[in-house]
Amino acid sequence: MLDLKLLRENPDAARAGALKKRMPDRAAAVDAVLKLDAELRALLPTLDGMRSELKSGSKEIGKMAPAEREAFLARQKERKAEMGGLEQREKALRAELEKQLALIPNIPDSEVPEGKDDSENKETKRWGTVRTFGFTPRPHYEIGEKQGWLDFERASKMAGSRNYFLFGDLALLHDAVLRYAVDLLVGRGFTPVDPPLLVRDSAMFGTGFFPGGEEQTYRAERDELNLIGTAEVPVTSLHAGEILPEDQLPKKYVARSACFRREAGTYGKDTRGLYRVHQFQKVEQVVIDIADTARSIEHHHAIVKNAEDMLQAFELPYRIVAVCGGDLGVPQAFKYDIETWMPSRNAYGETHSASRFYDYQARRLELRYRPKDGSKAMVCHTLNNTVVASPRILIPLVENHQQQDGTVRVPAVLQPYLGGRAVLGKPIY
């Protein structure tokens, strides 16, 4: 959440930020916060004065005559009752203040493009040449089903729509890309993490998914736990409530995990193939560092490069877009999406997203660090980026590297993970 001091000093920036994100209802929370804060700040001196008065009065009671003491105790009882009412009001004000604060989105950076939705994201880079096929290319789901690698029908009977079975070489390729992604990041100094898949509401709140993302989350109501949609949630929450020594920062983690998303509101959209599914695997990179804007931006470029290097090693054309205000989520200050060319869509499709949050997530998580000079603890900065998400990445891998006979060429970097094989599948056309 935003620093309350910032809201007091520059509420217009918070209002403008919410409007840039096309969240007018959340812009209204700024005024609600300021009103609640003003009432609370006016109430506190009165409460402090009453507490001080009651405390000093208790010290004087022993010096009083019996008759005087009786009258004094009656007054004290009235004052305590009055103070109790004010304390209840203070408690209610603080609870409502926290609720309204949680609704205010992070302020987008000035370079975030204006725009209403993903159609107005701004391209910043393009890499690779879109392949010109000497034959009519086939979609991944056609190749997968003919090779015996994919089964949507049985999965749907068992688990509902947007589910799948992977078999044989496609299951091996799925595992290979995930292993390669972890190895790439570990080789660059990231600590591997195998995180919990079920988390409490506090982790979802702390990372900015609640309130607002409940409809996309699978919830285990009986246990009050939530299946994660990304390892960002447990890994960013790893040090919640802690004060880290500055010399232990930055923390760089890479986590491979299963992920689950309800895909609420996408009925009839991307129903064929592996593009939009309920369950998938993801390798996520998370960075926690000191409160330094320049360093956050430096980390942001570095984690994007990690994903780019992987796509280049996979020989896949891609582009990078700066996400516009209307497509930016509640907690992000700036986000890049990486979109990889998918022949079956005749377009680039999102495969990665890289976000910087500054102190927005860390403030909600009470994640702080102690500067080297021993001064007051400060709130950390956090960032994250997808290294790879599968099975979605299998779409460009299969489609861009398909051969006329229906086999699939394996990029050189993945061949060691597949027993040295350079081609997957058997000729089927």
Protein backbone atom coordinates (compact mmCIF):
# COMPACT_ATOMS: atom_id res chain seq x y z
CA MET A 1 0.00 0.00 0.00
CA LEU A 2 1.01 3.61 -0.29
CA ASP A 3 2.72 5.53 2.50
CA LEU A 4 0.09 7.50 4.43
CA LYS A 5 2.52 10.41 4.63
CA LEU A 6 2.68 10.51 0.83
CA LEU A 7 -1.12 10.60 0.63
CA ARG A 8 -1.28 13.50 3.06
CA GLU A 9 1.33 15.47 1.13
CA ASN A 10 0.32 14.64 -2.43
CA PRO A 11 -3.18 13.17 -2.68
CA ASP A 12 -3.53 14.41 -6.25
CA ALA A 13 -0.79 12.02 -7.41
CA ALA A 14 -2.65 9.06 -5.91
CA ARG A 15 -5.96 10.14 -7.45
CA ALA A 16 -4.34 10.69 -10.85
CA GLY A 17 -2.59 7.31 -10.60
CA ALA A 18 -5.85 5.48 -9.97
CA LEU A 19 -7.50 7.27 -12.88
CA LYS A 20 -4.57 6.45 -15.17
CA LYS A 21 -5.12 2.80 -14.24
CA ARG A 22 -8.81 3.24 -15.12
CA MET A 23 -9.85 2.63 -11.51
CA PRO A 24 -12.13 5.59 -10.66
CA ASP A 25 -13.78 3.75 -7.77
CA ARG A 26 -10.39 3.32 -6.14
CA ALA A 27 -9.54 6.98 -6.69
CA ALA A 28 -12.45 7.78 -4.35
CA ALA A 29 -10.64 5.83 -1.62
CA VAL A 30 -8.03 8.61 -1.45
CA ASP A 31 -10.60 11.09 -0.10
CA ALA A 32 -11.97 8.45 2.26
CA VAL A 33 -8.48 7.85 3.66
CA LEU A 34 -7.81 11.56 4.16
CA LYS A 35 -11.13 12.03 5.99
CA LEU A 36 -10.55 9.02 8.26
CA ASP A 37 -6.96 10.06 8.91
CA ALA A 38 -8.01 13.58 9.88
CA GLU A 39 -10.63 12.28 12.33
CA LEU A 40 -8.18 9.82 13.83
CA ARG A 41 -5.46 12.44 14.25
CA ALA A 42 -7.95 14.78 15.93
CA LEU A 43 -9.11 12.02 18.27
CA LEU A 44 -5.71 10.83 19.46
CA PRO A 45 -4.71 13.94 21.51
CA THR A 46 -8.06 13.77 23.33
CA LEU A 47 -7.49 10.10 24.14
CA ASP A 48 -3.92 10.68 25.23
CA GLY A 49 -5.07 13.52 27.49
CA MET A 50 -7.75 11.33 29.10
CA ARG A 51 -5.29 8.50 29.68
CA SER A 52 -2.82 10.90 31.27
CA GLU A 53 -5.54 12.42 33.43
CA LEU A 54 -6.74 9.02 34.66
CA LYS A 55 -3.21 7.91 35.38
CA SER A 56 -2.32 11.01 37.41
CA GLY A 57 -5.65 10.85 39.23
CA SER A 58 -4.95 7.30 40.34
CA LYS A 59 -1.76 8.51 42.02
CA GLU A 60 -3.64 11.19 43.97
CA ILE A 61 -6.47 9.03 45.29
CA GLY A 62 -4.52 7.89 48.35
CA LYS A 63 -4.25 11.49 49.59
CA MET A 64 -7.99 12.13 49.53
CA ALA A 65 -10.50 12.08 52.38
CA PRO A 66 -13.11 9.28 52.18
CA ALA A 67 -15.96 11.54 51.05
CA GLU A 68 -13.80 13.25 48.47
CA ARG A 69 -12.48 9.87 47.29
CA GLU A 70 -15.99 8.56 46.64
CA ALA A 71 -16.89 11.50 44.43
CA PHE A 72 -13.56 11.26 42.64
CA LEU A 73 -14.02 7.56 41.89
CA ALA A 74 -17.45 8.25 40.45
CA ARG A 75 -15.94 10.84 38.11
CA GLN A 76 -13.14 8.44 37.20
CA LYS A 77 -15.70 5.77 36.35
CA GLU A 78 -17.52 8.19 34.04
CA ARG A 79 -14.26 9.22 32.39
CA LYS A 80 -13.25 5.59 31.86
CA ALA A 81 -16.58 4.86 30.22
CA GLU A 82 -16.17 7.91 28.00
CA MET A 83 -12.62 6.88 27.16
CA GLY A 84 -13.78 3.34 26.37
CA GLY A 85 -16.19 4.72 23.81
CA LEU A 86 -13.45 6.81 22.23
CA GLU A 87 -11.11 3.81 22.16
CA GLN A 88 -13.76 1.82 20.30
CA ARG A 89 -14.05 4.69 17.83
CA GLU A 90 -10.25 4.72 17.43
CA LYS A 91 -10.26 0.99 16.73
CA ALA A 92 -13.03 1.35 14.16
CA LEU A 93 -11.28 4.28 12.49
CA ARG A 94 -8.00 2.37 12.21
CA ALA A 95 -9.74 -0.68 10.73
CA GLU A 96 -11.60 1.39 8.15
CA LEU A 97 -8.46 3.39 7.38
CA GLU A 98 -6.53 0.18 6.65
CA LYS A 99 -9.39 -1.08 4.49
CA GLN A 100 -9.50 2.10 2.40
CA LEU A 101 -5.70 2.29 2.16
CA ALA A 102 -5.66 -1.22 0.73
CA LEU A 103 -7.94 -0.09 -2.10
CA ILE A 104 -5.64 2.64 -3.38
CA PRO A 105 -3.46 1.34 -6.22
CA ASN A 106 0.24 1.98 -6.55
CA ILE A 107 1.07 5.20 -8.40
CA PRO A 108 2.24 4.38 -11.94
CA ASP A 109 5.56 5.79 -13.04
CA SER A 110 5.41 8.81 -15.34
CA GLU A 111 6.70 6.74 -18.30
CA VAL A 112 3.74 4.34 -18.10
CA PRO A 113 1.88 4.89 -21.40
CA GLU A 114 -1.64 6.24 -21.41
CA GLY A 115 -4.20 3.71 -22.60
CA LYS A 116 -7.42 1.93 -21.77
CA ASP A 117 -6.38 -1.72 -22.24
CA ASP A 118 -3.73 -4.07 -23.66
CA SER A 119 -4.46 -2.89 -27.21
CA GLU A 120 -2.73 0.38 -26.28
CA ASN A 121 0.42 -1.09 -24.77
CA LYS A 122 3.52 0.47 -26.35
CA GLU A 123 6.11 -1.66 -28.12
CA THR A 124 9.66 -0.91 -26.98
CA LYS A 125 11.68 -3.69 -28.62
CA ARG A 126 11.41 -6.48 -31.16
CA TRP A 127 13.84 -9.39 -31.59
CA GLY A 128 14.09 -12.17 -34.17
CA THR A 129 12.58 -12.73 -37.58
CA VAL A 130 9.15 -14.24 -37.95
CA ARG A 131 9.59 -17.48 -39.85
CA THR A 132 8.35 -17.81 -43.41
CA PHE A 133 7.20 -21.40 -43.84
CA GLY A 134 7.62 -23.34 -47.07
CA PHE A 135 4.45 -25.22 -46.17
CA THR A 136 1.20 -24.47 -44.38
CA PRO A 137 2.08 -24.41 -40.66
CA ARG A 138 -0.17 -26.26 -38.26
CA PRO A 139 -1.33 -25.16 -34.80
CA HIS A 140 0.29 -26.79 -31.77
CA TYR A 141 -2.90 -28.55 -30.75
CA GLU A 142 -3.24 -30.29 -34.12
CA ILE A 143 0.38 -31.46 -34.06
CA GLY A 144 0.09 -32.44 -30.40
CA GLU A 145 -3.05 -34.50 -30.83
CA LYS A 146 -1.79 -36.28 -33.98
CA GLN A 147 1.51 -37.11 -32.26
CA GLY A 148 -0.36 -38.43 -29.21
CA TRP A 149 1.12 -35.72 -27.03
CA LEU A 150 -2.07 -33.86 -26.07
CA ASP A 151 -5.49 -34.91 -24.81
CA PHE A 152 -8.04 -32.22 -24.04
CA GLU A 153 -11.15 -34.40 -24.26
CA ARG A 154 -10.27 -36.82 -21.45
CA ALA A 155 -8.94 -33.97 -19.31
CA SER A 156 -12.19 -32.08 -19.78
CA LYS A 157 -14.26 -35.09 -18.72
CA MET A 158 -12.15 -35.45 -15.60
CA ALA A 159 -11.46 -31.85 -14.64
CA GLY A 160 -13.60 -29.54 -16.76
CA SER A 161 -12.70 -27.17 -19.57
CA ARG A 162 -9.28 -25.53 -19.93
CA ASN A 163 -7.50 -28.64 -18.66
CA TYR A 164 -5.17 -30.98 -20.54
CA PHE A 165 -2.97 -34.05 -20.47
CA LEU A 166 0.61 -33.88 -21.77
CA PHE A 167 2.21 -37.13 -22.93
CA GLY A 168 5.51 -38.40 -24.21
CA ASP A 169 7.85 -35.95 -25.92
CA LEU A 170 5.67 -32.92 -25.16
CA ALA A 171 5.69 -33.75 -21.44
CA LEU A 172 9.48 -34.08 -21.65
CA LEU A 173 9.80 -30.77 -23.51
CA HIS A 174 7.58 -29.12 -20.87
CA ASP A 175 9.95 -30.32 -18.14
CA ALA A 176 13.04 -29.40 -20.16
CA VAL A 177 12.11 -25.72 -20.51
CA LEU A 178 11.39 -25.45 -16.79
CA ARG A 179 14.67 -27.09 -15.82
CA TYR A 180 16.60 -24.90 -18.26
CA ALA A 181 14.99 -21.76 -16.81
CA VAL A 182 15.93 -22.70 -13.24
CA ASP A 183 19.49 -23.58 -14.26
CA LEU A 184 19.84 -20.27 -16.13
CA LEU A 185 18.84 -18.21 -13.08
CA VAL A 186 20.83 -20.28 -10.58
CA GLY A 187 23.85 -19.71 -12.79
CA ARG A 188 23.22 -15.97 -12.44
CA GLY A 189 23.22 -16.01 -8.66
CA PHE A 190 19.55 -16.61 -7.84
CA THR A 191 18.68 -18.89 -4.92
CA PRO A 192 16.31 -21.71 -5.93
CA VAL A 193 13.10 -22.03 -3.89
CA ASP A 194 10.42 -24.71 -3.78
CA PRO A 195 7.53 -22.73 -2.25
CA PRO A 196 4.13 -23.63 -0.71
CA LEU A 197 1.27 -23.80 -3.20
CA LEU A 198 -1.39 -22.93 -0.60
CA VAL A 199 -1.13 -19.59 1.23
CA ARG A 200 -3.12 -17.59 3.74
CA ASP A 201 -5.05 -14.44 2.83
CA SER A 202 -2.29 -12.33 4.37
CA ALA A 203 0.14 -13.40 1.62
CA MET A 204 -2.43 -12.64 -1.09
CA PHE A 205 -3.13 -9.27 0.52
CA GLY A 206 0.54 -8.50 1.04
CA THR A 207 1.43 -9.02 -2.60
CA GLY A 208 -1.55 -6.98 -3.81
CA PHE A 209 -3.76 -9.77 -5.19
CA PHE A 210 -6.39 -9.16 -2.48
CA PRO A 211 -8.63 -7.24 -2.45
CA GLY A 212 -9.62 -7.42 -6.10
CA GLY A 213 -8.25 -10.74 -7.30
CA GLU A 214 -10.52 -13.08 -5.37
CA GLU A 215 -12.49 -14.09 -8.47
CA GLN A 216 -9.35 -15.42 -10.16
CA THR A 217 -8.27 -17.45 -7.13
CA TYR A 218 -9.07 -21.05 -6.25
CA ARG A 219 -9.89 -21.02 -2.54
CA ALA A 220 -9.90 -23.87 -0.03
CA GLU A 221 -12.69 -22.40 2.10
CA ARG A 222 -12.54 -25.03 4.84
CA ASP A 223 -8.90 -24.24 5.59
CA GLU A 224 -8.99 -20.53 4.65
CA LEU A 225 -6.15 -21.06 2.20
CA ASN A 226 -5.66 -20.09 -1.45
CA LEU A 227 -3.97 -21.90 -4.33
CA ILE A 228 -1.30 -19.61 -5.76
CA GLY A 229 -1.53 -18.20 -9.27
CA THR A 230 2.19 -17.44 -9.23
CA ALA A 231 5.19 -18.18 -6.98
CA GLU A 232 5.49 -14.40 -6.61
CA VAL A 233 3.01 -14.67 -3.73
CA PRO A 234 4.84 -17.07 -1.36
CA VAL A 235 8.35 -15.97 -2.36
CA THR A 236 7.75 -12.22 -1.97
CA SER A 237 6.01 -13.01 1.34
CA LEU A 238 8.94 -15.12 2.53
CA HIS A 239 10.36 -12.36 4.76
CA ALA A 240 7.06 -10.72 5.74
CA GLY A 241 7.28 -9.04 9.15
CA GLU A 242 11.09 -9.20 9.17
CA ILE A 243 13.79 -6.56 9.32
CA LEU A 244 16.66 -7.69 7.09
CA PRO A 245 20.22 -6.39 7.48
CA GLU A 246 21.12 -4.23 4.50
CA ASP A 247 24.24 -6.28 3.84
CA GLN A 248 21.98 -9.30 3.09
CA LEU A 249 20.33 -7.43 0.21
CA PRO A 250 19.51 -7.87 -2.55
CA LYS A 251 17.71 -11.16 -2.11
CA LYS A 252 17.31 -12.90 -5.47
CA TYR A 253 15.09 -15.96 -5.64
CA VAL A 254 14.00 -18.27 -8.46
CA ALA A 255 11.02 -20.55 -7.82
CA ARG A 256 9.49 -23.34 -9.89
CA SER A 257 5.91 -24.10 -8.93
CA ALA A 258 2.53 -25.25 -10.09
CA CYS A 259 0.10 -22.35 -10.51
CA PHE A 260 -3.70 -22.19 -10.61
CA ARG A 261 -6.01 -19.55 -12.06
CA ARG A 262 -9.78 -19.62 -12.45
CA GLU A 263 -9.67 -17.46 -15.63
CA ALA A 264 -12.95 -15.87 -14.53
CA GLY A 265 -14.47 -13.63 -17.18
CA THR A 266 -12.81 -15.41 -20.12
CA TYR A 267 -15.73 -17.57 -21.24
CA GLY A 268 -15.42 -18.27 -24.97
CA LYS A 269 -11.95 -16.73 -25.17
CA ASP A 270 -8.87 -18.75 -26.28
CA THR A 271 -10.72 -22.04 -25.90
CA ARG A 272 -8.51 -24.06 -28.29
CA GLY A 273 -5.14 -25.33 -27.19
CA LEU A 274 -2.79 -24.43 -24.37
CA TYR A 275 -2.93 -20.64 -24.33
CA ARG A 276 -5.39 -20.13 -21.47
CA VAL A 277 -5.56 -22.98 -18.97
CA HIS A 278 -6.40 -23.38 -15.28
CA GLN A 279 -3.24 -25.18 -14.18
CA PHE A 280 0.31 -24.59 -15.34
CA GLN A 281 3.93 -24.54 -14.23
CA LYS A 282 5.94 -21.36 -13.87
CA VAL A 283 9.49 -20.38 -13.03
CA GLU A 284 9.43 -16.99 -11.33
CA GLN A 285 12.23 -14.62 -10.38
CA VAL A 286 11.77 -12.35 -7.33
CA VAL A 287 14.09 -9.57 -6.14
CA ILE A 288 14.00 -7.84 -2.75
CA ASP A 289 16.32 -4.86 -2.23
CA ILE A 290 16.79 -1.51 -0.54
CA ALA A 291 14.53 1.49 -1.11
CA ASP A 292 16.37 2.95 -4.07
CA THR A 293 14.44 3.83 -7.24
CA ALA A 294 17.50 3.69 -9.50
CA ARG A 295 18.41 0.24 -8.21
CA SER A 296 14.85 -0.99 -8.71
CA ILE A 297 14.94 0.14 -12.33
CA GLU A 298 18.35 -1.51 -12.78
CA HIS A 299 16.97 -4.78 -11.36
CA HIS A 300 13.94 -4.47 -13.62
CA HIS A 301 16.07 -4.32 -16.76
CA ALA A 302 18.19 -7.23 -15.51
CA ILE A 303 15.24 -9.57 -14.88
CA VAL A 304 13.76 -8.72 -18.27
CA LYS A 305 17.11 -9.58 -19.85
CA ASN A 306 17.06 -12.97 -18.11
CA ALA A 307 13.78 -13.79 -19.85
CA GLU A 308 15.01 -12.36 -23.16
CA ASP A 309 18.17 -14.46 -23.05
CA MET A 310 16.06 -17.58 -22.57
CA LEU A 311 13.79 -16.77 -25.52
CA GLN A 312 16.78 -16.01 -27.70
CA ALA A 313 18.33 -19.35 -26.71
CA PHE A 314 15.02 -20.98 -27.71
CA GLU A 315 15.28 -19.16 -31.08
CA LEU A 316 11.84 -17.60 -30.68
CA PRO A 317 10.91 -14.16 -32.10
CA TYR A 318 9.43 -11.83 -29.47
CA ARG A 319 8.63 -8.26 -28.68
CA ILE A 320 8.54 -6.24 -25.45
CA VAL A 321 5.73 -3.82 -24.62
CA ALA A 322 5.44 -1.22 -21.88
CA VAL A 323 2.07 -1.89 -20.29
CA CYS A 324 -0.31 1.08 -20.39
CA GLY A 325 -2.18 2.48 -17.41
CA GLY A 326 -5.47 0.73 -18.18
CA ASP A 327 -3.77 -2.68 -18.37
CA LEU A 328 -1.64 -2.18 -15.25
CA GLY A 329 -2.62 -4.01 -12.08
CA VAL A 330 -3.20 -2.56 -8.63
CA PRO A 331 0.29 -3.09 -7.14
CA GLN A 332 2.54 -2.38 -10.16
CA ALA A 333 4.32 0.92 -10.71
CA PHE A 334 5.61 -0.22 -14.10
CA LYS A 335 5.36 -3.45 -16.07
CA TYR A 336 6.84 -4.89 -19.23
CA ASP A 337 5.13 -7.75 -21.03
CA ILE A 338 7.12 -10.00 -23.31
CA GLU A 339 5.10 -11.44 -26.17
CA THR A 340 6.36 -14.36 -28.27
CA TRP A 341 5.37 -15.01 -31.89
CA MET A 342 2.72 -17.73 -32.22
CA PRO A 343 1.99 -18.74 -35.84
CA SER A 344 -1.45 -20.22 -35.02
CA ARG A 345 -2.55 -16.82 -33.71
CA ASN A 346 -0.67 -14.95 -36.45
CA ALA A 347 0.34 -12.61 -33.65
CA TYR A 348 2.56 -12.19 -30.64
CA GLY A 349 1.08 -13.75 -27.49
CA GLU A 350 2.02 -12.81 -23.92
CA THR A 351 4.45 -15.27 -22.33
CA HIS A 352 6.16 -13.14 -19.65
CA SER A 353 5.47 -10.14 -17.44
CA ALA A 354 8.04 -8.18 -15.42
CA SER A 355 6.94 -5.76 -12.71
CA ARG A 356 8.43 -3.31 -10.28
CA PHE A 357 6.49 -2.25 -7.20
CA TYR A 358 8.90 -0.07 -5.20
CA ASP A 359 7.66 -0.28 -1.57
CA TYR A 360 3.97 -1.05 -2.32
CA GLN A 361 4.07 -4.79 -1.63
CA ALA A 362 6.71 -4.57 1.10
CA ARG A 363 4.70 -2.00 3.06
CA ARG A 364 1.70 -4.35 3.10
CA LEU A 365 3.97 -7.24 4.10
CA GLU A 366 5.85 -5.19 6.73
CA LEU A 367 9.04 -6.21 4.95
CA ARG A 368 11.86 -3.89 6.00
CA TYR A 369 15.64 -3.62 6.23
CA ARG A 370 18.06 -1.98 8.64
CA PRO A 371 20.51 0.40 6.90
CA LYS A 372 24.20 -0.23 7.45
CA ASP A 373 24.52 2.90 9.59
CA GLY A 374 22.06 1.42 12.11
CA SER A 375 19.42 4.08 11.48
CA LYS A 376 15.66 3.55 11.44
CA ALA A 377 14.39 0.50 9.54
CA MET A 378 13.14 1.25 6.03
CA VAL A 379 10.64 -0.47 3.76
CA CYS A 380 12.15 -2.70 1.05
CA HIS A 381 11.54 -2.57 -2.69
CA THR A 382 10.33 -5.67 -4.58
CA LEU A 383 10.25 -6.86 -8.21
CA ASN A 384 9.36 -10.01 -10.09
CA ASN A 385 9.34 -11.50 -13.57
CA THR A 386 8.36 -14.74 -15.24
CA VAL A 387 11.36 -16.70 -16.46
CA VAL A 388 9.10 -19.16 -18.25
CA ALA A 389 5.49 -20.34 -17.99
CA SER A 390 4.53 -23.72 -19.40
CA PRO A 391 2.56 -25.11 -21.18
CA ARG A 392 2.02 -21.69 -22.84
CA ILE A 393 5.66 -21.54 -23.96
CA LEU A 394 5.11 -24.87 -25.74
CA ILE A 395 2.89 -23.06 -28.26
CA PRO A 396 5.70 -21.02 -29.85
CA LEU A 397 8.23 -23.82 -29.39
CA VAL A 398 6.14 -26.38 -31.25
CA GLU A 399 4.72 -24.00 -33.85
CA ASN A 400 7.89 -22.09 -34.73
CA HIS A 401 10.08 -25.20 -34.82
CA GLN A 402 7.64 -27.56 -36.53
CA GLN A 403 8.81 -29.35 -39.66
CA GLN A 404 6.75 -30.26 -42.71
CA ASP A 405 6.39 -33.88 -41.64
CA GLY A 406 4.95 -32.93 -38.22
CA THR A 407 8.11 -33.46 -36.20
CA VAL A 408 9.52 -30.65 -34.05
CA ARG A 409 13.09 -29.39 -34.05
CA VAL A 410 14.69 -28.94 -30.62
CA PRO A 411 16.77 -25.79 -29.96
CA ALA A 412 20.38 -26.66 -29.10
CA VAL A 413 20.16 -25.45 -25.49
CA LEU A 414 17.32 -27.85 -24.73
CA GLN A 415 18.86 -30.92 -26.34
CA PRO A 416 20.92 -31.91 -23.24
CA TYR A 417 17.66 -32.01 -21.24
CA LEU A 418 16.16 -34.39 -23.82
CA GLY A 419 18.91 -36.96 -24.00
CA GLY A 420 20.69 -35.14 -26.83
CA ARG A 421 17.72 -35.43 -29.19
CA ALA A 422 17.52 -32.81 -31.94
CA VAL A 423 14.03 -33.75 -33.15
CA LEU A 424 10.85 -34.76 -31.31
CA GLY A 425 8.04 -36.91 -32.64
CA LYS A 426 7.61 -39.09 -35.68
CA PRO A 427 6.70 -38.13 -39.25
CA ILE A 428 2.89 -37.88 -39.38
CA TYR A 429 2.25 -35.91 -42.58
